[in-house]
Amino acid sequence: MGDTLEFNEIYQEVKGSWNDGRLRFSKQNVVYKSSKTGKVDSIPASELSLAQWRRVCLGHGIKLSTSTGHIYKYDGFRDTDFEKISEFFKANYSVELAEKDMCVKGWNWGAAKFSGPLLSFEVNDNSAFEVPLSNVSQCATGKNEVTLEFHQNDDAEVSLMEVRFYVPPGQADERQDPVEAFAQNVLSKADVIQATGDAVCIFKELQCLTPRGRYDIRIYPTFLHLHGKTFDYKIPYTTVLRLFLLPHKDQRQMFFVISLDPPIKQGQTRYHFLILLFSKEENISLSLNMNEEDVERRFEGKLTKNMSGSLYELVSRVMKALVNRKITVPGNFQGHSGAQCITCSYKASSGLLYPLERGFIYVHKPPVHLRFEEISCVNFARGTTTTTRSFDFEIETKQGNQYTFSSIEREEYGKLFDFVNAKKLNIKNRGFKEGTKGKIDEYSDSDQDEHDAYLERMKAEGKIREEANDSDDSDSGSDHSFKPGEEDDNIAEEYDSKASASDSSDEDGDSEDDSSKKKKVAKPKVVKEKKERKPRKEKKQKDKGGPKRPMSAYMLWLNSSREKIKSENPGISVTEISKKAGEMWRQLGKDDKEEWDSKAGEAKREYDLAKKEYKESGGGDVSKKKSGVKKEDMKRKSSGGEKERERGAGNESFKSKEFIETSESSSDSDHKSKSRKKKKKKKEESEKEEDEAESTPASSDKE
């Protein structure tokens, strides 16, 4: 048998709700870790006083009692687990695992026995049910009756509100009422907070973000009392899970976060986190309401009677000593601006996301704490806005919940990705080649550098293009962005009144006559005065017969190293080769780069010599001739367009440029433009129609 026994999916009942977790038996202790809260219960083996194996609703369970009076119950074992657990107890612990039967008769009368923090209702010496007294919130007495009220758990589907016990009058001891004795036994172990005595210390008017307001915090030995103008909260130290001390991004304020389970309630609102905001510049002097001997005996040097310093330091120091839990601070993460947090938005509220050593915490509205062990995967997604200045960080838990932190600055991507990669979290959009689909391997090593996240890929490709820009022949031409109204109209558009310029002028006379009959008259539209058009820059013509431009030093090195990269990384994609090559090139030393720089310089000299010889032999004249012809054609067209506009301005019957014509009427407009060259003046619309009518028989005679 090994030194340890481990069991998964073991359940612990917490106020009517079943929380699963992992249980481990070792020679030194028994450790249970909750999967929901991450809370760890450690029971030293030397303190075990009782161990029982019982048949319960979820199969079989174990009840453990300690010499300090604590009782722990774990359910979810199988029948076959009894033998190996019993043997382990015999070999390593001083107690044996004994089988204990539960009463299932359903009787409602029996004997109530108080054993430590449990109230056990027994029938015929067998336990029918047990009530943890720590779940009791109130105890009321009546005539021969005791009523127990319980704390409510929001996670439980069905909650037990109260239980009433009938206590018959006793004959044995007339000096003490049995009802009062029963109630006193309950209240001695119940979670009923009663402020008796003076507070250890008081912090006045502290700013609280959740719940919002200013509160006086009174520190008692067993609980924390928040006193505000409207609400009061009493928080037992046993409900505190974790403490966080987080610096604000402005480096002038500090957050002190207290994680609570169960949460405090304000009506229907539940507060799982208590968040205090402090200024770093605020200092106080504090004196504990205890003598020095009591302080030394109780806190063992963690606190002194008189203390002074920053307010946030003293509050965190006192809470750490009373709660007996470590304070979590940010780790080694540093964002783009040097801060230990990232500005983002969650549920339409802006806040700060802190990457910790074992999780993430977001403050402050609503606060979210996610441990690495409950995270299934993370995802870097493109932002919801049309710009690429921000991205979203999505976290999916093993329970299926998804948390999206949006509007993160693009500069934070590299730092956050390196942090997630170092913590070996599974990244959802990593490891797939473009154009392929596949299922994410949950057992793959998430520390491999094979991600295909959108922003990272774009960055890598951009760097490669910059380095290889000089060696790409196709990049020699200059690109220009589209600017409406600043281009020459080489080809008339579909809705242009001068569309005849792009149609054939060899139409027959019949088609011209038919189109004139079918012509539709449209209402003229007001045309805004156009600005003078700038001449369009000519694209540089590529000379195919000329010498090829030389490669840069990087491209020469890449061509020689490409096969080596492929052999060292089988199955690597094209983009990944470029990314890997860029990293290797940046890591090369000066001596190695000088070799390729000299080769590139030699290739450049050979290219210059070849280009000079090519020009001397008459090369490159064809492209110049073509460009010259094209320029003359463009000038001729632009001058023709200006003359047309001048004629249109003097015409009494103005027609808009947006005049819509059918494809059949284009030949007719072409005919009119030719006839306009022969005629100098047009006075009236009637004379124009007569001229068109006279031209009709002439076209038919041509047939």
Foldseek 3Di string as FASTA:
>chain_A
DDQKDKDFQKWFDDQQDTFTWMWMDGLFWIWTATPPQRDIDTGGLQFWDDWEWEQDDQGIKIWTAGVVQDIGIIDNDHPVVQVVVQVSCVVRHPDGYYYAYADDPPDPDADWDDRRQKTFGDDPNHTHDIDRLQQFADWDDDDQKIKTAGDHDPPHPDGDGIDMDGHDADDPDPVDTVRVVVRVSSVVNYNYDDDPDAFQWKDAQFAWVVVGDTWIWTHHLFWIWTDDPPDIDTGGLVQWDAWEWEADPVNFKIKIKTAGVPFDDDPPDGARIIITMFGQPAKDKIATPDDQVVCCVQQVPLDGRIDIDGPVVVVVSVSCSSSVHDYFYADDFAFPVRGQWWWWDWPNHIWTWGDHPFWIWTDDVPIDTGGLVQWQEKEWAQAPDPDRQWIWIWTAGPVGDITITTDTGPRRVVRVVVVCLVSQGHYDQFDDDPPDDDDDDSPDRSNDPTGDHPVVLVVLVVVLCVQFVQQDPVNPKDDDDDDPLQEFCPADDQQFPLNLVNDDLPDAPVLLVVQVVVWDDDDADDDDDGDDHDYDDDIQDDFPPADHAFTALLVVVCVVCVVVVCVVPPPDDPSRSSSVSVVVVVVDDPVVSVVSRVVRVVSRVVRVVRRVVCVVVPPPVVSVVVVVVVVVVSVVVVVVVVVVVVVQVPDPPHHYRSHHTDPSNSNNVVVVVVVPVVDDDDDDPVVVVVVVVVVNVVSVVVD
